[in-house]
Amino acid sequence: MTDFSSILAELRRPRLLIRAARLGLSDYNRSRDLKRVVRSMETMVPERAVAFLLAAEAEMEETRRAGAAHYSLVRHIEVLIALLAEARLLAGPRLSVT
């Protein structure tokens, strides 16, 4: 099993982006939001969801840094919210996002 908490701890993103994602955590509803964010009809186990979301977020970060016109800040925040929420599920009460 991959140590997702250490991968998340190593993420370096703009402070405002992370802040927005943290604020959205309280409104995250797994049954409503995960399928929409991952654009899939199947429900994923948290480990698979975190792996998928990490890859999607890395791609979005690359797009953001490149200054691509098709970059979506809103989508990036949605993916980060889902990533943080799913990582919390996976880690249980040990992972704190402060």
N, C-alpha and C. Protein backbone atom coordinates (compact mmCIF):
# COMPACT_ATOMS: atom_id res chain seq x y z
N MET A 1 0.84 -1.19 0.00
CA MET A 1 0.00 0.00 0.00
C MET A 1 0.88 1.25 0.00
N THR A 2 0.51 2.21 -0.81
CA THR A 2 1.24 3.46 -0.89
C THR A 2 0.93 4.33 0.33
N ASP A 3 1.92 5.04 0.82
CA ASP A 3 1.71 5.92 1.96
C ASP A 3 1.21 7.27 1.45
N PHE A 4 -0.11 7.37 1.31
CA PHE A 4 -0.71 8.58 0.74
C PHE A 4 -0.52 9.80 1.63
N SER A 5 -0.48 9.60 2.93
CA SER A 5 -0.32 10.75 3.83
C SER A 5 1.02 11.44 3.62
N SER A 6 2.08 10.68 3.34
CA SER A 6 3.37 11.31 3.09
C SER A 6 3.39 12.00 1.72
N ILE A 7 2.70 11.42 0.75
CA ILE A 7 2.60 12.06 -0.57
C ILE A 7 1.86 13.39 -0.43
N LEU A 8 0.75 13.38 0.31
CA LEU A 8 0.00 14.61 0.51
C LEU A 8 0.81 15.66 1.27
N ALA A 9 1.58 15.21 2.23
CA ALA A 9 2.41 16.14 3.02
C ALA A 9 3.46 16.82 2.15
N GLU A 10 3.88 16.16 1.08
CA GLU A 10 4.91 16.71 0.20
C GLU A 10 4.35 17.62 -0.89
N LEU A 11 3.03 17.67 -1.04
CA LEU A 11 2.44 18.55 -2.06
C LEU A 11 2.73 20.00 -1.74
N ARG A 12 3.18 20.73 -2.72
CA ARG A 12 3.43 22.16 -2.55
C ARG A 12 2.55 22.90 -3.55
N ARG A 13 1.53 23.55 -3.04
CA ARG A 13 0.58 24.28 -3.86
C ARG A 13 0.41 25.68 -3.30
N PRO A 14 -0.08 26.61 -4.11
CA PRO A 14 -0.31 27.96 -3.59
C PRO A 14 -1.22 27.95 -2.37
N ARG A 15 -0.89 28.77 -1.42
CA ARG A 15 -1.61 28.82 -0.15
C ARG A 15 -3.11 29.05 -0.35
N LEU A 16 -3.47 29.92 -1.27
CA LEU A 16 -4.88 30.23 -1.50
C LEU A 16 -5.64 29.02 -2.05
N LEU A 17 -5.00 28.25 -2.88
CA LEU A 17 -5.61 27.04 -3.44
C LEU A 17 -5.89 26.02 -2.34
N ILE A 18 -4.93 25.80 -1.47
CA ILE A 18 -5.09 24.85 -0.36
C ILE A 18 -6.13 25.36 0.63
N ARG A 19 -6.11 26.64 0.87
CA ARG A 19 -7.09 27.23 1.80
C ARG A 19 -8.52 27.04 1.30
N ALA A 20 -8.72 27.27 0.01
CA ALA A 20 -10.04 27.09 -0.58
C ALA A 20 -10.48 25.62 -0.46
N ALA A 21 -9.56 24.71 -0.71
CA ALA A 21 -9.89 23.28 -0.61
C ALA A 21 -10.24 22.91 0.83
N ARG A 22 -9.51 23.40 1.78
CA ARG A 22 -9.80 23.10 3.19
C ARG A 22 -11.15 23.63 3.60
N LEU A 23 -11.50 24.82 3.11
CA LEU A 23 -12.80 25.39 3.44
C LEU A 23 -13.94 24.55 2.85
N GLY A 24 -13.70 23.94 1.71
CA GLY A 24 -14.71 23.11 1.07
C GLY A 24 -14.89 21.75 1.70
N LEU A 25 -13.97 21.33 2.54
CA LEU A 25 -14.06 20.00 3.16
C LEU A 25 -15.34 19.81 3.96
N SER A 26 -15.80 20.84 4.63
CA SER A 26 -16.99 20.69 5.47
C SER A 26 -18.24 20.41 4.65
N ASP A 27 -18.26 20.80 3.39
CA ASP A 27 -19.42 20.57 2.53
C ASP A 27 -19.29 19.31 1.68
N TYR A 28 -18.17 18.62 1.77
CA TYR A 28 -17.95 17.43 0.93
C TYR A 28 -18.89 16.31 1.36
N ASN A 29 -19.60 15.77 0.38
CA ASN A 29 -20.50 14.64 0.59
C ASN A 29 -20.05 13.56 -0.38
N ARG A 30 -19.46 12.52 0.15
CA ARG A 30 -18.86 11.48 -0.68
C ARG A 30 -19.84 10.90 -1.70
N SER A 31 -21.03 10.57 -1.25
CA SER A 31 -21.99 9.93 -2.16
C SER A 31 -22.44 10.89 -3.26
N ARG A 32 -22.44 12.15 -3.00
CA ARG A 32 -22.85 13.13 -3.99
C ARG A 32 -21.68 13.60 -4.86
N ASP A 33 -20.55 13.86 -4.24
CA ASP A 33 -19.47 14.57 -4.92
C ASP A 33 -18.42 13.70 -5.61
N LEU A 34 -18.12 12.54 -5.05
CA LEU A 34 -17.01 11.75 -5.60
C LEU A 34 -17.26 11.33 -7.04
N LYS A 35 -18.44 10.81 -7.33
CA LYS A 35 -18.73 10.36 -8.70
C LYS A 35 -18.64 11.52 -9.69
N ARG A 36 -19.07 12.70 -9.27
CA ARG A 36 -19.01 13.87 -10.14
C ARG A 36 -17.56 14.30 -10.37
N VAL A 37 -16.78 14.31 -9.32
CA VAL A 37 -15.40 14.77 -9.43
C VAL A 37 -14.55 13.81 -10.26
N VAL A 38 -14.74 12.51 -10.05
CA VAL A 38 -13.94 11.54 -10.81
C VAL A 38 -14.57 11.21 -12.16
N ARG A 39 -15.77 11.75 -12.38
CA ARG A 39 -16.49 11.57 -13.65
C ARG A 39 -16.69 10.09 -13.96
N SER A 40 -17.23 9.39 -12.98
CA SER A 40 -17.46 7.95 -13.10
C SER A 40 -18.76 7.61 -12.40
N MET A 41 -19.42 6.59 -12.88
CA MET A 41 -20.66 6.14 -12.25
C MET A 41 -20.40 5.14 -11.12
N GLU A 42 -19.20 4.58 -11.08
CA GLU A 42 -18.90 3.60 -10.04
C GLU A 42 -18.36 4.28 -8.79
N THR A 43 -18.67 3.69 -7.65
CA THR A 43 -18.15 4.19 -6.39
C THR A 43 -16.80 3.53 -6.15
N MET A 44 -15.81 4.33 -5.81
CA MET A 44 -14.46 3.81 -5.59
C MET A 44 -14.19 3.66 -4.10
N VAL A 45 -13.38 2.68 -3.77
CA VAL A 45 -12.89 2.58 -2.39
C VAL A 45 -11.93 3.75 -2.18
N PRO A 46 -11.78 4.22 -0.95
CA PRO A 46 -10.94 5.39 -0.72
C PRO A 46 -9.51 5.28 -1.28
N GLU A 47 -8.89 4.10 -1.19
CA GLU A 47 -7.52 3.97 -1.68
C GLU A 47 -7.44 4.22 -3.20
N ARG A 48 -8.37 3.65 -3.93
CA ARG A 48 -8.40 3.85 -5.38
C ARG A 48 -8.75 5.29 -5.72
N ALA A 49 -9.68 5.88 -4.96
CA ALA A 49 -10.07 7.26 -5.19
C ALA A 49 -8.88 8.20 -4.97
N VAL A 50 -8.13 7.98 -3.90
CA VAL A 50 -6.97 8.84 -3.61
C VAL A 50 -5.93 8.71 -4.72
N ALA A 51 -5.66 7.51 -5.16
CA ALA A 51 -4.68 7.32 -6.25
C ALA A 51 -5.14 8.04 -7.52
N PHE A 52 -6.41 7.90 -7.86
CA PHE A 52 -6.96 8.56 -9.04
C PHE A 52 -6.88 10.08 -8.89
N LEU A 53 -7.31 10.57 -7.74
CA LEU A 53 -7.32 12.02 -7.50
C LEU A 53 -5.93 12.62 -7.45
N LEU A 54 -4.96 11.88 -6.92
CA LEU A 54 -3.57 12.37 -6.93
C LEU A 54 -3.07 12.56 -8.35
N ALA A 55 -3.37 11.59 -9.21
CA ALA A 55 -2.95 11.69 -10.61
C ALA A 55 -3.66 12.85 -11.31
N ALA A 56 -4.95 12.98 -11.07
CA ALA A 56 -5.72 14.08 -11.69
C ALA A 56 -5.22 15.43 -11.21
N GLU A 57 -4.94 15.53 -9.92
CA GLU A 57 -4.46 16.80 -9.36
C GLU A 57 -3.09 17.15 -9.90
N ALA A 58 -2.22 16.17 -10.04
CA ALA A 58 -0.87 16.43 -10.58
C ALA A 58 -0.96 16.96 -12.00
N GLU A 59 -1.87 16.39 -12.77
CA GLU A 59 -2.06 16.86 -14.15
C GLU A 59 -2.60 18.30 -14.16
N MET A 60 -3.52 18.59 -13.26
CA MET A 60 -4.07 19.95 -13.18
C MET A 60 -3.01 20.95 -12.73
N GLU A 61 -2.16 20.54 -11.82
CA GLU A 61 -1.08 21.41 -11.35
C GLU A 61 -0.12 21.72 -12.49
N GLU A 62 0.18 20.73 -13.28
CA GLU A 62 1.05 20.94 -14.44
C GLU A 62 0.40 21.92 -15.43
N THR A 63 -0.89 21.76 -15.64
CA THR A 63 -1.63 22.66 -16.53
C THR A 63 -1.63 24.07 -15.97
N ARG A 64 -1.83 24.19 -14.66
CA ARG A 64 -1.82 25.52 -14.02
C ARG A 64 -0.48 26.20 -14.18
N ARG A 65 0.58 25.45 -13.91
CA ARG A 65 1.92 26.02 -14.01
C ARG A 65 2.29 26.42 -15.44
N ALA A 66 1.75 25.70 -16.39
CA ALA A 66 2.02 26.01 -17.80
C ALA A 66 1.24 27.23 -18.27
N GLY A 67 0.26 27.64 -17.49
CA GLY A 67 -0.56 28.79 -17.86
C GLY A 67 -1.51 28.49 -19.01
N ALA A 68 -1.91 27.24 -19.12
CA ALA A 68 -2.78 26.82 -20.22
C ALA A 68 -4.15 27.48 -20.10
N ALA A 69 -4.71 27.85 -21.23
CA ALA A 69 -6.00 28.53 -21.27
C ALA A 69 -7.13 27.65 -20.77
N HIS A 70 -7.01 26.34 -20.90
CA HIS A 70 -8.09 25.45 -20.50
C HIS A 70 -8.04 25.06 -19.02
N TYR A 71 -7.12 25.63 -18.26
CA TYR A 71 -7.03 25.35 -16.83
C TYR A 71 -8.28 25.88 -16.12
N SER A 72 -8.84 25.05 -15.23
CA SER A 72 -10.02 25.45 -14.46
C SER A 72 -9.68 25.46 -12.97
N LEU A 73 -9.65 26.64 -12.40
CA LEU A 73 -9.38 26.80 -10.98
C LEU A 73 -10.46 26.10 -10.15
N VAL A 74 -11.71 26.24 -10.55
CA VAL A 74 -12.81 25.62 -9.82
C VAL A 74 -12.66 24.10 -9.81
N ARG A 75 -12.36 23.53 -10.96
CA ARG A 75 -12.18 22.07 -11.04
C ARG A 75 -10.99 21.63 -10.18
N HIS A 76 -9.91 22.41 -10.18
CA HIS A 76 -8.73 22.08 -9.39
C HIS A 76 -9.11 22.05 -7.90
N ILE A 77 -9.88 23.03 -7.47
CA ILE A 77 -10.30 23.07 -6.06
C ILE A 77 -11.20 21.89 -5.74
N GLU A 78 -12.12 21.54 -6.65
CA GLU A 78 -13.00 20.39 -6.43
C GLU A 78 -12.19 19.10 -6.27
N VAL A 79 -11.18 18.94 -7.10
CA VAL A 79 -10.34 17.74 -7.02
C VAL A 79 -9.55 17.74 -5.71
N LEU A 80 -9.03 18.88 -5.32
CA LEU A 80 -8.30 18.96 -4.05
C LEU A 80 -9.20 18.66 -2.86
N ILE A 81 -10.42 19.17 -2.87
CA ILE A 81 -11.36 18.89 -1.79
C ILE A 81 -11.59 17.39 -1.68
N ALA A 82 -11.90 16.77 -2.82
CA ALA A 82 -12.14 15.32 -2.83
C ALA A 82 -10.90 14.57 -2.38
N LEU A 83 -9.74 14.99 -2.83
CA LEU A 83 -8.49 14.33 -2.46
C LEU A 83 -8.26 14.39 -0.96
N LEU A 84 -8.42 15.56 -0.37
CA LEU A 84 -8.23 15.70 1.07
C LEU A 84 -9.26 14.89 1.86
N ALA A 85 -10.50 14.92 1.41
CA ALA A 85 -11.56 14.18 2.10
C ALA A 85 -11.35 12.67 2.01
N GLU A 86 -10.99 12.19 0.83
CA GLU A 86 -10.77 10.76 0.65
C GLU A 86 -9.53 10.30 1.42
N ALA A 87 -8.51 11.13 1.47
CA ALA A 87 -7.31 10.79 2.23
C ALA A 87 -7.63 10.70 3.72
N ARG A 88 -8.52 11.54 4.19
CA ARG A 88 -8.95 11.46 5.58
C ARG A 88 -9.66 10.15 5.86
N LEU A 89 -10.53 9.73 4.93
CA LEU A 89 -11.22 8.45 5.09
C LEU A 89 -10.23 7.30 5.14
N LEU A 90 -9.25 7.37 4.27
CA LEU A 90 -8.26 6.31 4.18
C LEU A 90 -7.39 6.25 5.43
N ALA A 91 -6.99 7.40 5.92
CA ALA A 91 -6.08 7.45 7.08
C ALA A 91 -6.81 7.32 8.40
N GLY A 92 -8.11 7.54 8.40
CA GLY A 92 -8.84 7.53 9.65
C GLY A 92 -8.57 8.80 10.42
N PRO A 93 -8.66 8.77 11.72
CA PRO A 93 -8.52 9.99 12.52
C PRO A 93 -7.08 10.51 12.61
N ARG A 94 -6.10 9.77 12.05
CA ARG A 94 -4.70 10.19 12.18
C ARG A 94 -4.36 11.38 11.31
N LEU A 95 -4.97 11.49 10.11
CA LEU A 95 -4.60 12.54 9.17
C LEU A 95 -5.33 13.83 9.49
N SER A 96 -4.57 14.85 9.77
CA SER A 96 -5.16 16.16 10.06
C SER A 96 -4.72 17.13 8.98
N VAL A 97 -5.67 17.82 8.39
CA VAL A 97 -5.36 18.81 7.36
C VAL A 97 -5.60 20.17 7.98
N THR A 98 -4.51 20.77 8.48
CA THR A 98 -4.64 22.07 9.14
C THR A 98 -3.87 23.13 8.43
